[in-house]
PDB file of all heavy atoms in Angstrom:
ATOM      1  N   THR A   1      19.270 -51.690 -19.629  1.00  0.00           N
ATOM      2  CA  THR A   1      19.579 -50.724 -20.525  1.00  0.00           C
ATOM      3  C   THR A   1      20.483 -51.196 -21.694  1.00  0.00           C
ATOM      4  O   THR A   1      20.254 -50.919 -22.859  1.00  0.00           O
ATOM      5  CB  THR A   1      20.226 -49.430 -19.890  1.00  0.00           C
ATOM      6  OG1 THR A   1      19.345 -48.997 -18.784  1.00  0.00           O
ATOM      7  CG2 THR A   1      20.421 -48.313 -20.862  1.00  0.00           C
ATOM      8  N   GLU A   2      21.558 -51.762 -21.272  1.00  0.00           N
ATOM      9  CA  GLU A   2      22.498 -52.264 -22.294  1.00  0.00           C
ATOM     10  C   GLU A   2      21.876 -53.289 -23.286  1.00  0.00           C
ATOM     11  O   GLU A   2      22.551 -53.582 -24.300  1.00  0.00           O
ATOM     12  CB  GLU A   2      23.742 -52.909 -21.688  1.00  0.00           C
ATOM     13  CG  GLU A   2      23.403 -54.025 -20.736  1.00  0.00           C
ATOM     14  CD  GLU A   2      23.215 -53.614 -19.262  1.00  0.00           C
ATOM     15  OE1 GLU A   2      22.959 -52.390 -19.044  1.00  0.00           O
ATOM     16  OE2 GLU A   2      23.328 -54.435 -18.438  1.00  0.00           O
ATOM     17  N   GLY A   3      20.673 -53.824 -23.022  1.00  0.00           N
ATOM     18  CA  GLY A   3      20.126 -54.671 -23.802  1.00  0.00           C
ATOM     19  C   GLY A   3      19.621 -54.050 -25.213  1.00  0.00           C
ATOM     20  O   GLY A   3      19.430 -54.690 -26.190  1.00  0.00           O
ATOM     21  N   PHE A   4      19.623 -52.777 -25.262  1.00  0.00           N
ATOM     22  CA  PHE A   4      19.237 -52.009 -26.359  1.00  0.00           C
ATOM     23  C   PHE A   4      20.430 -51.583 -27.295  1.00  0.00           C
ATOM     24  O   PHE A   4      20.255 -50.935 -28.234  1.00  0.00           O
ATOM     25  CB  PHE A   4      18.397 -50.870 -26.080  1.00  0.00           C
ATOM     26  CG  PHE A   4      17.077 -51.170 -25.471  1.00  0.00           C
ATOM     27  CD1 PHE A   4      16.952 -51.053 -24.041  1.00  0.00           C
ATOM     28  CD2 PHE A   4      15.982 -51.634 -26.144  1.00  0.00           C
ATOM     29  CE1 PHE A   4      15.685 -51.398 -23.411  1.00  0.00           C
ATOM     30  CE2 PHE A   4      14.858 -52.060 -25.622  1.00  0.00           C
ATOM     31  CZ  PHE A   4      14.704 -52.004 -24.191  1.00  0.00           C
ATOM     32  N   GLU A   5      21.625 -51.779 -26.842  1.00  0.00           N
ATOM     33  CA  GLU A   5      22.833 -51.217 -27.470  1.00  0.00           C
ATOM     34  C   GLU A   5      22.976 -51.725 -28.886  1.00  0.00           C
ATOM     35  O   GLU A   5      23.577 -51.030 -29.711  1.00  0.00           O
ATOM     36  CB  GLU A   5      24.093 -51.598 -26.644  1.00  0.00           C
ATOM     37  CG  GLU A   5      24.150 -50.901 -25.330  1.00  0.00           C
ATOM     38  CD  GLU A   5      25.353 -51.327 -24.522  1.00  0.00           C
ATOM     39  OE1 GLU A   5      26.097 -52.173 -24.961  1.00  0.00           O
ATOM     40  OE2 GLU A   5      25.479 -50.847 -23.346  1.00  0.00           O
ATOM     41  N   GLY A   6      22.514 -52.952 -29.154  1.00  0.00           N
ATOM     42  CA  GLY A   6      22.762 -53.573 -30.507  1.00  0.00           C
ATOM     43  C   GLY A   6      21.704 -53.227 -31.537  1.00  0.00           C
ATOM     44  O   GLY A   6      21.801 -53.604 -32.655  1.00  0.00           O
ATOM     45  N   LEU A   7      20.780 -52.328 -31.159  1.00  0.00           N
ATOM     46  CA  LEU A   7      19.679 -51.976 -32.015  1.00  0.00           C
ATOM     47  C   LEU A   7      20.039 -50.739 -32.857  1.00  0.00           C
ATOM     48  O   LEU A   7      20.529 -49.695 -32.251  1.00  0.00           O
ATOM     49  CB  LEU A   7      18.431 -51.722 -31.251  1.00  0.00           C
ATOM     50  CG  LEU A   7      17.772 -52.947 -30.534  1.00  0.00           C
ATOM     51  CD1 LEU A   7      16.568 -52.527 -29.799  1.00  0.00           C
ATOM     52  CD2 LEU A   7      17.539 -54.007 -31.540  1.00  0.00           C
ATOM     53  N   ALA A   8      19.868 -50.820 -34.145  1.00  0.00           N
ATOM     54  CA  ALA A   8      20.101 -49.633 -34.943  1.00  0.00           C
ATOM     55  C   ALA A   8      18.807 -48.850 -35.289  1.00  0.00           C
ATOM     56  O   ALA A   8      18.753 -48.045 -36.003  1.00  0.00           O
ATOM     57  CB  ALA A   8      20.784 -50.061 -36.329  1.00  0.00           C
ATOM     58  N   GLY A   9      17.789 -49.292 -34.584  1.00  0.00           N
ATOM     59  CA  GLY A   9      16.496 -48.696 -34.692  1.00  0.00           C
ATOM     60  C   GLY A   9      16.061 -48.176 -33.346  1.00  0.00           C
ATOM     61  O   GLY A   9      16.891 -47.776 -32.524  1.00  0.00           O
ATOM     62  N   GLU A  10      14.804 -48.127 -33.067  1.00  0.00           N
ATOM     63  CA  GLU A  10      14.226 -47.671 -31.862  1.00  0.00           C
ATOM     64  C   GLU A  10      13.369 -48.734 -31.162  1.00  0.00           C
ATOM     65  O   GLU A  10      12.490 -49.361 -31.750  1.00  0.00           O
ATOM     66  CB  GLU A  10      13.377 -46.415 -32.074  1.00  0.00           C
ATOM     67  CG  GLU A  10      14.168 -45.288 -32.525  1.00  0.00           C
ATOM     68  CD  GLU A  10      13.287 -44.096 -32.965  1.00  0.00           C
ATOM     69  OE1 GLU A  10      12.129 -44.130 -32.782  1.00  0.00           O
ATOM     70  OE2 GLU A  10      13.809 -43.070 -33.436  1.00  0.00           O
ATOM     71  N   ALA A  11      13.668 -49.136 -29.907  1.00  0.00           N
ATOM     72  CA  ALA A  11      12.905 -50.035 -29.201  1.00  0.00           C
ATOM     73  C   ALA A  11      11.931 -49.142 -28.278  1.00  0.00           C
ATOM     74  O   ALA A  11      12.384 -48.270 -27.629  1.00  0.00           O
ATOM     75  CB  ALA A  11      13.699 -50.935 -28.277  1.00  0.00           C
ATOM     76  N   ASP A  12      10.616 -49.390 -28.327  1.00  0.00           N
ATOM     77  CA  ASP A  12       9.647 -48.489 -27.859  1.00  0.00           C
ATOM     78  C   ASP A  12       8.730 -49.189 -26.776  1.00  0.00           C
ATOM     79  O   ASP A  12       8.383 -50.418 -26.934  1.00  0.00           O
ATOM     80  CB  ASP A  12       8.834 -47.883 -28.904  1.00  0.00           C
ATOM     81  CG  ASP A  12       9.649 -47.507 -30.091  1.00  0.00           C
ATOM     82  OD1 ASP A  12      10.636 -46.791 -29.914  1.00  0.00           O
ATOM     83  OD2 ASP A  12       9.267 -47.714 -31.229  1.00  0.00           O
ATOM     84  N   TYR A  13       8.155 -48.306 -25.902  1.00  0.00           N
ATOM     85  CA  TYR A  13       7.080 -48.798 -25.042  1.00  0.00           C
ATOM     86  C   TYR A  13       6.009 -47.678 -25.098  1.00  0.00           C
ATOM     87  O   TYR A  13       6.217 -46.521 -25.067  1.00  0.00           O
ATOM     88  CB  TYR A  13       7.502 -48.907 -23.586  1.00  0.00           C
ATOM     89  CG  TYR A  13       8.210 -50.152 -23.216  1.00  0.00           C
ATOM     90  CD1 TYR A  13       9.508 -50.265 -23.404  1.00  0.00           C
ATOM     91  CD2 TYR A  13       7.431 -51.260 -22.720  1.00  0.00           C
ATOM     92  CE1 TYR A  13      10.173 -51.470 -23.065  1.00  0.00           C
ATOM     93  CE2 TYR A  13       8.098 -52.462 -22.391  1.00  0.00           C
ATOM     94  CZ  TYR A  13       9.492 -52.540 -22.561  1.00  0.00           C
ATOM     95  OH  TYR A  13      10.071 -53.733 -22.328  1.00  0.00           O
ATOM     96  N   ILE A  14       4.810 -48.239 -25.369  1.00  0.00           N
ATOM     97  CA  ILE A  14       3.593 -47.283 -25.520  1.00  0.00           C
ATOM     98  C   ILE A  14       2.649 -47.614 -24.398  1.00  0.00           C
ATOM     99  O   ILE A  14       2.358 -48.836 -24.084  1.00  0.00           O
ATOM    100  CB  ILE A  14       2.901 -47.439 -26.843  1.00  0.00           C
ATOM    101  CG1 ILE A  14       3.882 -47.119 -27.983  1.00  0.00           C
ATOM    102  CG2 ILE A  14       1.676 -46.560 -26.890  1.00  0.00           C
ATOM    103  CD1 ILE A  14       3.281 -47.258 -29.341  1.00  0.00           C
ATOM    104  N   ARG A  15       2.064 -46.617 -23.678  1.00  0.00           N
ATOM    105  CA  ARG A  15       1.044 -46.771 -22.760  1.00  0.00           C
ATOM    106  C   ARG A  15      -0.202 -46.335 -23.358  1.00  0.00           C
ATOM    107  O   ARG A  15      -0.342 -45.049 -23.617  1.00  0.00           O
ATOM    108  CB  ARG A  15       1.393 -46.043 -21.406  1.00  0.00           C
ATOM    109  CG  ARG A  15       2.612 -46.557 -20.768  1.00  0.00           C
ATOM    110  CD  ARG A  15       2.731 -46.023 -19.311  1.00  0.00           C
ATOM    111  NE  ARG A  15       2.779 -44.533 -19.244  1.00  0.00           N
ATOM    112  CZ  ARG A  15       3.832 -43.848 -19.387  1.00  0.00           C
ATOM    113  NH1 ARG A  15       4.946 -44.347 -19.498  1.00  0.00           N
ATOM    114  NH2 ARG A  15       3.647 -42.486 -19.250  1.00  0.00           N
ATOM    115  N   ILE A  16      -1.187 -47.147 -23.574  1.00  0.00           N
ATOM    116  CA  ILE A  16      -2.514 -46.785 -24.058  1.00  0.00           C
ATOM    117  C   ILE A  16      -3.560 -46.822 -22.975  1.00  0.00           C
ATOM    118  O   ILE A  16      -3.778 -47.916 -22.384  1.00  0.00           O
ATOM    119  CB  ILE A  16      -2.957 -47.731 -25.219  1.00  0.00           C
ATOM    120  CG1 ILE A  16      -1.874 -47.660 -26.398  1.00  0.00           C
ATOM    121  CG2 ILE A  16      -4.271 -47.422 -25.783  1.00  0.00           C
ATOM    122  CD1 ILE A  16      -2.196 -48.576 -27.560  1.00  0.00           C
ATOM    123  N   ASN A  17      -4.227 -45.694 -22.722  1.00  0.00           N
ATOM    124  CA  ASN A  17      -5.221 -45.640 -21.745  1.00  0.00           C
ATOM    125  C   ASN A  17      -6.586 -45.898 -22.494  1.00  0.00           C
ATOM    126  O   ASN A  17      -6.973 -45.106 -23.321  1.00  0.00           O
ATOM    127  CB  ASN A  17      -5.339 -44.186 -21.130  1.00  0.00           C
ATOM    128  CG  ASN A  17      -6.271 -44.146 -19.976  1.00  0.00           C
ATOM    129  OD1 ASN A  17      -7.444 -44.507 -20.113  1.00  0.00           O
ATOM    130  ND2 ASN A  17      -5.816 -43.602 -18.830  1.00  0.00           N
ATOM    131  N   LEU A  18      -7.119 -47.073 -22.276  1.00  0.00           N
ATOM    132  CA  LEU A  18      -8.362 -47.513 -22.967  1.00  0.00           C
ATOM    133  C   LEU A  18      -9.574 -46.652 -22.578  1.00  0.00           C
ATOM    134  O   LEU A  18     -10.478 -46.425 -23.393  1.00  0.00           O
ATOM    135  CB  LEU A  18      -8.640 -48.991 -22.720  1.00  0.00           C
ATOM    136  CG  LEU A  18      -7.491 -49.910 -23.131  1.00  0.00           C
ATOM    137  CD1 LEU A  18      -7.913 -51.369 -22.750  1.00  0.00           C
ATOM    138  CD2 LEU A  18      -7.237 -49.841 -24.639  1.00  0.00           C
ATOM    139  N   LYS A  19      -9.660 -46.219 -21.349  1.00  0.00           N
ATOM    140  CA  LYS A  19     -10.788 -45.453 -20.874  1.00  0.00           C
ATOM    141  C   LYS A  19     -10.720 -43.984 -21.536  1.00  0.00           C
ATOM    142  O   LYS A  19     -11.780 -43.600 -22.037  1.00  0.00           O
ATOM    143  CB  LYS A  19     -10.839 -45.264 -19.386  1.00  0.00           C
ATOM    144  CG  LYS A  19     -11.914 -44.607 -18.714  1.00  0.00           C
ATOM    145  CD  LYS A  19     -11.943 -44.606 -17.298  1.00  0.00           C
ATOM    146  CE  LYS A  19     -13.245 -43.910 -16.677  1.00  0.00           C
ATOM    147  NZ  LYS A  19     -13.187 -44.050 -15.210  1.00  0.00           N
ATOM    148  N   LYS A  20      -9.650 -43.426 -21.558  1.00  0.00           N
ATOM    149  CA  LYS A  20      -9.474 -42.061 -22.153  1.00  0.00           C
ATOM    150  C   LYS A  20      -9.218 -42.133 -23.648  1.00  0.00           C
ATOM    151  O   LYS A  20      -9.240 -41.088 -24.272  1.00  0.00           O
ATOM    152  CB  LYS A  20      -8.376 -41.290 -21.420  1.00  0.00           C
ATOM    153  CG  LYS A  20      -8.600 -40.967 -19.982  1.00  0.00           C
ATOM    154  CD  LYS A  20      -7.512 -40.236 -19.495  1.00  0.00           C
ATOM    155  CE  LYS A  20      -7.700 -39.882 -17.929  1.00  0.00           C
ATOM    156  NZ  LYS A  20      -6.482 -39.105 -17.301  1.00  0.00           N
ATOM    157  N   GLN A  21      -8.887 -43.368 -24.131  1.00  0.00           N
ATOM    158  CA  GLN A  21      -8.546 -43.496 -25.567  1.00  0.00           C
ATOM    159  C   GLN A  21      -7.419 -42.584 -25.974  1.00  0.00           C
ATOM    160  O   GLN A  21      -7.589 -41.818 -27.017  1.00  0.00           O
ATOM    161  CB  GLN A  21      -9.870 -43.306 -26.474  1.00  0.00           C
ATOM    162  CG  GLN A  21     -10.832 -44.356 -26.416  1.00  0.00           C
ATOM    163  CD  GLN A  21     -10.366 -45.648 -27.082  1.00  0.00           C
ATOM    164  OE1 GLN A  21     -10.252 -45.677 -28.315  1.00  0.00           O
ATOM    165  NE2 GLN A  21     -10.085 -46.717 -26.361  1.00  0.00           N
ATOM    166  N   GLU A  22      -6.379 -42.697 -25.266  1.00  0.00           N
ATOM    167  CA  GLU A  22      -5.146 -41.815 -25.527  1.00  0.00           C
ATOM    168  C   GLU A  22      -3.904 -42.700 -25.390  1.00  0.00           C
ATOM    169  O   GLU A  22      -3.934 -43.634 -24.569  1.00  0.00           O
ATOM    170  CB  GLU A  22      -5.134 -40.604 -24.706  1.00  0.00           C
ATOM    171  CG  GLU A  22      -4.915 -40.833 -23.229  1.00  0.00           C
ATOM    172  CD  GLU A  22      -4.934 -39.558 -22.433  1.00  0.00           C
ATOM    173  OE1 GLU A  22      -5.534 -38.503 -22.890  1.00  0.00           O
ATOM    174  OE2 GLU A  22      -4.409 -39.535 -21.242  1.00  0.00           O
ATOM    175  N   ALA A  23      -2.840 -42.322 -26.161  1.00  0.00           N
ATOM    176  CA  ALA A  23      -1.586 -43.041 -26.114  1.00  0.00           C
ATOM    177  C   ALA A  23      -0.444 -42.132 -25.629  1.00  0.00           C
ATOM    178  O   ALA A  23      -0.362 -41.059 -26.130  1.00  0.00           O
ATOM    179  CB  ALA A  23      -1.275 -43.662 -27.526  1.00  0.00           C
ATOM    180  N   THR A  24       0.314 -42.610 -24.659  1.00  0.00           N
ATOM    181  CA  THR A  24       1.388 -41.770 -24.201  1.00  0.00           C
ATOM    182  C   THR A  24       2.782 -42.374 -24.764  1.00  0.00           C
ATOM    183  O   THR A  24       2.940 -43.582 -24.667  1.00  0.00           O
ATOM    184  CB  THR A  24       1.549 -41.838 -22.637  1.00  0.00           C
ATOM    185  OG1 THR A  24       0.237 -41.409 -22.147  1.00  0.00           O
ATOM    186  CG2 THR A  24       2.661 -41.005 -22.151  1.00  0.00           C
ATOM    187  N   ILE A  25       3.527 -41.511 -25.336  1.00  0.00           N
ATOM    188  CA  ILE A  25       4.757 -41.906 -26.042  1.00  0.00           C
ATOM    189  C   ILE A  25       5.884 -41.225 -25.341  1.00  0.00           C
ATOM    190  O   ILE A  25       6.045 -40.046 -25.352  1.00  0.00           O
ATOM    191  CB  ILE A  25       4.788 -41.555 -27.450  1.00  0.00           C
ATOM    192  CG1 ILE A  25       3.577 -42.121 -28.323  1.00  0.00           C
ATOM    193  CG2 ILE A  25       6.042 -41.834 -28.197  1.00  0.00           C
ATOM    194  CD1 ILE A  25       3.335 -41.672 -29.573  1.00  0.00           C
ATOM    195  N   ASP A  26       6.795 -42.033 -24.651  1.00  0.00           N
ATOM    196  CA  ASP A  26       7.965 -41.526 -23.941  1.00  0.00           C
ATOM    197  C   ASP A  26       9.163 -41.855 -24.892  1.00  0.00           C
ATOM    198  O   ASP A  26       9.428 -43.050 -25.097  1.00  0.00           O
ATOM    199  CB  ASP A  26       8.188 -42.139 -22.655  1.00  0.00           C
ATOM    200  CG  ASP A  26       7.019 -41.874 -21.690  1.00  0.00           C
ATOM    201  OD1 ASP A  26       6.408 -40.727 -21.807  1.00  0.00           O
ATOM    202  OD2 ASP A  26       6.620 -42.800 -20.878  1.00  0.00           O
ATOM    203  N   SER A  27       9.794 -40.899 -25.469  1.00  0.00           N
ATOM    204  CA  SER A  27      10.822 -41.127 -26.495  1.00  0.00           C
ATOM    205  C   SER A  27      12.274 -41.029 -25.983  1.00  0.00           C
ATOM    206  O   SER A  27      12.644 -40.163 -25.295  1.00  0.00           O
ATOM    207  CB  SER A  27      10.685 -40.150 -27.669  1.00  0.00           C
ATOM    208  OG  SER A  27       9.432 -40.197 -28.199  1.00  0.00           O
ATOM    209  N   VAL A  28      13.069 -42.102 -26.376  1.00  0.00           N
ATOM    210  CA  VAL A  28      14.448 -42.222 -26.032  1.00  0.00           C
ATOM    211  C   VAL A  28      15.170 -42.694 -27.311  1.00  0.00           C
ATOM    212  O   VAL A  28      14.833 -43.618 -27.940  1.00  0.00           O
ATOM    213  CB  VAL A  28      14.879 -43.092 -24.868  1.00  0.00           C
ATOM    214  CG1 VAL A  28      16.308 -43.204 -24.588  1.00  0.00           C
ATOM    215  CG2 VAL A  28      14.066 -42.778 -23.566  1.00  0.00           C
TER     216      VAL A  28
END
């Protein structure tokens, strides 16, 4: 977690389901 402390922007992970063709966005 502390690895993101120095960022002034947003570090993101996106989960893309290729079969359903949908993207899940979990925002912090």
